[in-house]
Amino acid sequence: MELFDKSTIEKEIKELPSGILTIILEAAVSVNITSIAIVGGVVRDLIKKI
């Protein structure tokens, strides 16, 4: 089940590494998390280093 439109988010947030949303979604689904928030600041900076 698609929880959000990854391609739209990837176009709007160009700093996200390619494929990171798929990894985050798969990790969330594997532990039954149904909502995800991508935030700025330190978390964003750590994601950009992947």
PDB file of N, CA and C in Angstrom:
ATOM      1  N   MET A   1       0.838  -1.185   0.000  1.00  0.00           N
ATOM      2  CA  MET A   1       0.000   0.000   0.000  1.00  0.00           C
ATOM      3  C   MET A   1       0.879   1.244   0.000  1.00  0.00           C
ATOM      4  N   GLU A   2       0.603   2.162  -0.867  1.00  0.00           N
ATOM      5  CA  GLU A   2       1.368   3.400  -0.980  1.00  0.00           C
ATOM      6  C   GLU A   2       0.803   4.434  -0.010  1.00  0.00           C
ATOM      7  N   LEU A   3       1.614   4.851   0.973  1.00  0.00           N
ATOM      8  CA  LEU A   3       1.146   5.807   1.969  1.00  0.00           C
ATOM      9  C   LEU A   3       1.277   7.250   1.500  1.00  0.00           C
ATOM     10  N   PHE A   4       2.192   7.503   0.557  1.00  0.00           N
ATOM     11  CA  PHE A   4       2.406   8.854   0.053  1.00  0.00           C
ATOM     12  C   PHE A   4       3.048   8.768  -1.310  1.00  0.00           C
ATOM     13  N   ASP A   5       3.064   9.875  -2.018  1.00  0.00           N
ATOM     14  CA  ASP A   5       3.642   9.910  -3.364  1.00  0.00           C
ATOM     15  C   ASP A   5       5.131  10.240  -3.260  1.00  0.00           C
ATOM     16  N   LYS A   6       5.967   9.218  -3.299  1.00  0.00           N
ATOM     17  CA  LYS A   6       7.410   9.405  -3.147  1.00  0.00           C
ATOM     18  C   LYS A   6       7.985  10.329  -4.206  1.00  0.00           C
ATOM     19  N   SER A   7       7.527  10.202  -5.434  1.00  0.00           N
ATOM     20  CA  SER A   7       8.119  11.016  -6.500  1.00  0.00           C
ATOM     21  C   SER A   7       7.855  12.496  -6.286  1.00  0.00           C
ATOM     22  N   THR A   8       6.691  12.841  -5.768  1.00  0.00           N
ATOM     23  CA  THR A   8       6.382  14.246  -5.490  1.00  0.00           C
ATOM     24  C   THR A   8       7.285  14.782  -4.389  1.00  0.00           C
ATOM     25  N   ILE A   9       7.457  14.013  -3.335  1.00  0.00           N
ATOM     26  CA  ILE A   9       8.313  14.444  -2.225  1.00  0.00           C
ATOM     27  C   ILE A   9       9.755  14.572  -2.695  1.00  0.00           C
ATOM     28  N   GLU A  10      10.239  13.615  -3.472  1.00  0.00           N
ATOM     29  CA  GLU A  10      11.617  13.669  -3.962  1.00  0.00           C
ATOM     30  C   GLU A  10      11.844  14.885  -4.861  1.00  0.00           C
ATOM     31  N   LYS A  11      10.835  15.284  -5.620  1.00  0.00           N
ATOM     32  CA  LYS A  11      10.968  16.478  -6.471  1.00  0.00           C
ATOM     33  C   LYS A  11      10.997  17.744  -5.627  1.00  0.00           C
ATOM     34  N   GLU A  12      10.202  17.785  -4.544  1.00  0.00           N
ATOM     35  CA  GLU A  12      10.111  18.978  -3.709  1.00  0.00           C
ATOM     36  C   GLU A  12      11.291  19.113  -2.749  1.00  0.00           C
ATOM     37  N   ILE A  13      11.837  17.999  -2.303  1.00  0.00           N
ATOM     38  CA  ILE A  13      12.967  18.016  -1.377  1.00  0.00           C
ATOM     39  C   ILE A  13      14.162  17.429  -2.108  1.00  0.00           C
ATOM     40  N   LYS A  14      14.821  18.241  -2.881  1.00  0.00           N
ATOM     41  CA  LYS A  14      15.891  17.778  -3.752  1.00  0.00           C
ATOM     42  C   LYS A  14      17.118  17.275  -2.991  1.00  0.00           C
ATOM     43  N   GLU A  15      17.254  17.650  -1.711  1.00  0.00           N
ATOM     44  CA  GLU A  15      18.414  17.230  -0.926  1.00  0.00           C
ATOM     45  C   GLU A  15      18.339  15.777  -0.490  1.00  0.00           C
ATOM     46  N   LEU A  16      17.156  15.145  -0.577  1.00  0.00           N
ATOM     47  CA  LEU A  16      17.028  13.757  -0.149  1.00  0.00           C
ATOM     48  C   LEU A  16      17.804  12.847  -1.090  1.00  0.00           C
ATOM     49  N   PRO A  17      18.608  11.966  -0.529  1.00  0.00           N
ATOM     50  CA  PRO A  17      19.321  11.005  -1.376  1.00  0.00           C
ATOM     51  C   PRO A  17      18.326  10.119  -2.122  1.00  0.00           C
ATOM     52  N   SER A  18      18.664   9.742  -3.321  1.00  0.00           N
ATOM     53  CA  SER A  18      17.803   8.890  -4.121  1.00  0.00           C
ATOM     54  C   SER A  18      17.508   7.584  -3.388  1.00  0.00           C
ATOM     55  N   GLY A  19      16.238   7.232  -3.320  1.00  0.00           N
ATOM     56  CA  GLY A  19      15.838   5.973  -2.714  1.00  0.00           C
ATOM     57  C   GLY A  19      15.631   6.004  -1.212  1.00  0.00           C
ATOM     58  N   ILE A  20      15.952   7.117  -0.560  1.00  0.00           N
ATOM     59  CA  ILE A  20      15.848   7.168   0.902  1.00  0.00           C
ATOM     60  C   ILE A  20      14.400   7.008   1.370  1.00  0.00           C
ATOM     61  N   LEU A  21      13.444   7.543   0.625  1.00  0.00           N
ATOM     62  CA  LEU A  21      12.045   7.402   1.037  1.00  0.00           C
ATOM     63  C   LEU A  21      11.582   5.951   0.995  1.00  0.00           C
ATOM     64  N   THR A  22      12.059   5.210   0.025  1.00  0.00           N
ATOM     65  CA  THR A  22      11.722   3.784  -0.044  1.00  0.00           C
ATOM     66  C   THR A  22      12.288   3.052   1.160  1.00  0.00           C
ATOM     67  N   ILE A  23      13.511   3.355   1.531  1.00  0.00           N
ATOM     68  CA  ILE A  23      14.137   2.724   2.694  1.00  0.00           C
ATOM     69  C   ILE A  23      13.374   3.059   3.965  1.00  0.00           C
ATOM     70  N   ILE A  24      13.024   4.339   4.136  1.00  0.00           N
ATOM     71  CA  ILE A  24      12.281   4.762   5.326  1.00  0.00           C
ATOM     72  C   ILE A  24      10.922   4.082   5.371  1.00  0.00           C
ATOM     73  N   LEU A  25      10.222   4.036   4.242  1.00  0.00           N
ATOM     74  CA  LEU A  25       8.899   3.411   4.197  1.00  0.00           C
ATOM     75  C   LEU A  25       8.988   1.924   4.514  1.00  0.00           C
ATOM     76  N   GLU A  26       9.942   1.231   3.928  1.00  0.00           N
ATOM     77  CA  GLU A  26      10.084  -0.203   4.187  1.00  0.00           C
ATOM     78  C   GLU A  26      10.400  -0.470   5.659  1.00  0.00           C
ATOM     79  N   ALA A  27      11.244   0.368   6.256  1.00  0.00           N
ATOM     80  CA  ALA A  27      11.564   0.210   7.677  1.00  0.00           C
ATOM     81  C   ALA A  27      10.329   0.451   8.533  1.00  0.00           C
ATOM     82  N   ALA A  28       9.557   1.472   8.199  1.00  0.00           N
ATOM     83  CA  ALA A  28       8.336   1.782   8.955  1.00  0.00           C
ATOM     84  C   ALA A  28       7.325   0.645   8.863  1.00  0.00           C
ATOM     85  N   VAL A  29       7.121   0.147   7.660  1.00  0.00           N
ATOM     86  CA  VAL A  29       6.158  -0.943   7.456  1.00  0.00           C
ATOM     87  C   VAL A  29       6.601  -2.191   8.219  1.00  0.00           C
ATOM     88  N   SER A  30       7.896  -2.445   8.263  1.00  0.00           N
ATOM     89  CA  SER A  30       8.394  -3.652   8.932  1.00  0.00           C
ATOM     90  C   SER A  30       8.134  -3.649  10.432  1.00  0.00           C
ATOM     91  N   VAL A  31       7.932  -2.476  11.017  1.00  0.00           N
ATOM     92  CA  VAL A  31       7.635  -2.389  12.457  1.00  0.00           C
ATOM     93  C   VAL A  31       6.243  -1.806  12.709  1.00  0.00           C
ATOM     94  N   ASN A  32       5.398  -1.872  11.684  1.00  0.00           N
ATOM     95  CA  ASN A  32       3.992  -1.450  11.786  1.00  0.00           C
ATOM     96  C   ASN A  32       3.788   0.028  12.105  1.00  0.00           C
ATOM     97  N   ILE A  33       4.665   0.895  11.624  1.00  0.00           N
ATOM     98  CA  ILE A  33       4.484   2.340  11.758  1.00  0.00           C
ATOM     99  C   ILE A  33       3.660   2.799  10.570  1.00  0.00           C
ATOM    100  N   THR A  34       2.621   3.582  10.816  1.00  0.00           N
ATOM    101  CA  THR A  34       1.735   3.989   9.726  1.00  0.00           C
ATOM    102  C   THR A  34       1.870   5.455   9.332  1.00  0.00           C
ATOM    103  N   SER A  35       2.692   6.232  10.039  1.00  0.00           N
ATOM    104  CA  SER A  35       2.917   7.606   9.595  1.00  0.00           C
ATOM    105  C   SER A  35       4.381   7.964   9.832  1.00  0.00           C
ATOM    106  N   ILE A  36       4.886   8.807   8.951  1.00  0.00           N
ATOM    107  CA  ILE A  36       6.292   9.201   8.981  1.00  0.00           C
ATOM    108  C   ILE A  36       6.358  10.717   8.845  1.00  0.00           C
ATOM    109  N   ALA A  37       7.269  11.338   9.583  1.00  0.00           N
ATOM    110  CA  ALA A  37       7.502  12.771   9.448  1.00  0.00           C
ATOM    111  C   ALA A  37       8.974  12.986   9.117  1.00  0.00           C
ATOM    112  N   ILE A  38       9.223  13.764   8.090  1.00  0.00           N
ATOM    113  CA  ILE A  38      10.591  14.147   7.752  1.00  0.00           C
ATOM    114  C   ILE A  38      10.756  15.571   8.249  1.00  0.00           C
ATOM    115  N   VAL A  39      11.740  15.765   9.112  1.00  0.00           N
ATOM    116  CA  VAL A  39      11.909  17.070   9.747  1.00  0.00           C
ATOM    117  C   VAL A  39      13.215  17.704   9.310  1.00  0.00           C
ATOM    118  N   GLY A  40      13.375  18.961   9.642  1.00  0.00           N
ATOM    119  CA  GLY A  40      14.588  19.680   9.280  1.00  0.00           C
ATOM    120  C   GLY A  40      15.643  19.586  10.360  1.00  0.00           C
ATOM    121  N   GLY A  41      16.624  20.421  10.272  1.00  0.00           N
ATOM    122  CA  GLY A  41      17.654  20.504  11.296  1.00  0.00           C
ATOM    123  C   GLY A  41      18.595  19.320  11.292  1.00  0.00           C
ATOM    124  N   VAL A  42      18.904  18.838  12.473  1.00  0.00           N
ATOM    125  CA  VAL A  42      19.895  17.783  12.650  1.00  0.00           C
ATOM    126  C   VAL A  42      19.492  16.510  11.915  1.00  0.00           C
ATOM    127  N   VAL A  43      18.223  16.131  12.003  1.00  0.00           N
ATOM    128  CA  VAL A  43      17.767  14.918  11.328  1.00  0.00           C
ATOM    129  C   VAL A  43      17.964  15.045   9.818  1.00  0.00           C
ATOM    130  N   ARG A  44      17.603  16.181   9.260  1.00  0.00           N
ATOM    131  CA  ARG A  44      17.792  16.399   7.827  1.00  0.00           C
ATOM    132  C   ARG A  44      19.263  16.314   7.456  1.00  0.00           C
ATOM    133  N   ASP A  45      20.115  16.916   8.260  1.00  0.00           N
ATOM    134  CA  ASP A  45      21.547  16.898   7.973  1.00  0.00           C
ATOM    135  C   ASP A  45      22.106  15.484   8.017  1.00  0.00           C
ATOM    136  N   LEU A  46      21.630  14.669   8.962  1.00  0.00           N
ATOM    137  CA  LEU A  46      22.095  13.282   9.044  1.00  0.00           C
ATOM    138  C   LEU A  46      21.636  12.489   7.831  1.00  0.00           C
ATOM    139  N   ILE A  47      20.398  12.690   7.388  1.00  0.00           N
ATOM    140  CA  ILE A  47      19.881  11.987   6.209  1.00  0.00           C
ATOM    141  C   ILE A  47      20.695  12.366   4.967  1.00  0.00           C
ATOM    142  N   LYS A  48      21.061  13.623   4.855  1.00  0.00           N
ATOM    143  CA  LYS A  48      21.810  14.075   3.683  1.00  0.00           C
ATOM    144  C   LYS A  48      23.185  13.425   3.596  1.00  0.00           C
ATOM    145  N   LYS A  49      23.723  12.958   4.724  1.00  0.00           N
ATOM    146  CA  LYS A  49      25.061  12.342   4.731  1.00  0.00           C
ATOM    147  C   LYS A  49      25.044  10.891   4.307  1.00  0.00           C
ATOM    148  N   ILE A  50      23.856  10.277   4.202  1.00  0.00           N
ATOM    149  CA  ILE A  50      23.757   8.866   3.816  1.00  0.00           C
ATOM    150  C   ILE A  50      24.189   8.689   2.380  1.00  0.00           C
TER     151      ILE A  50
END
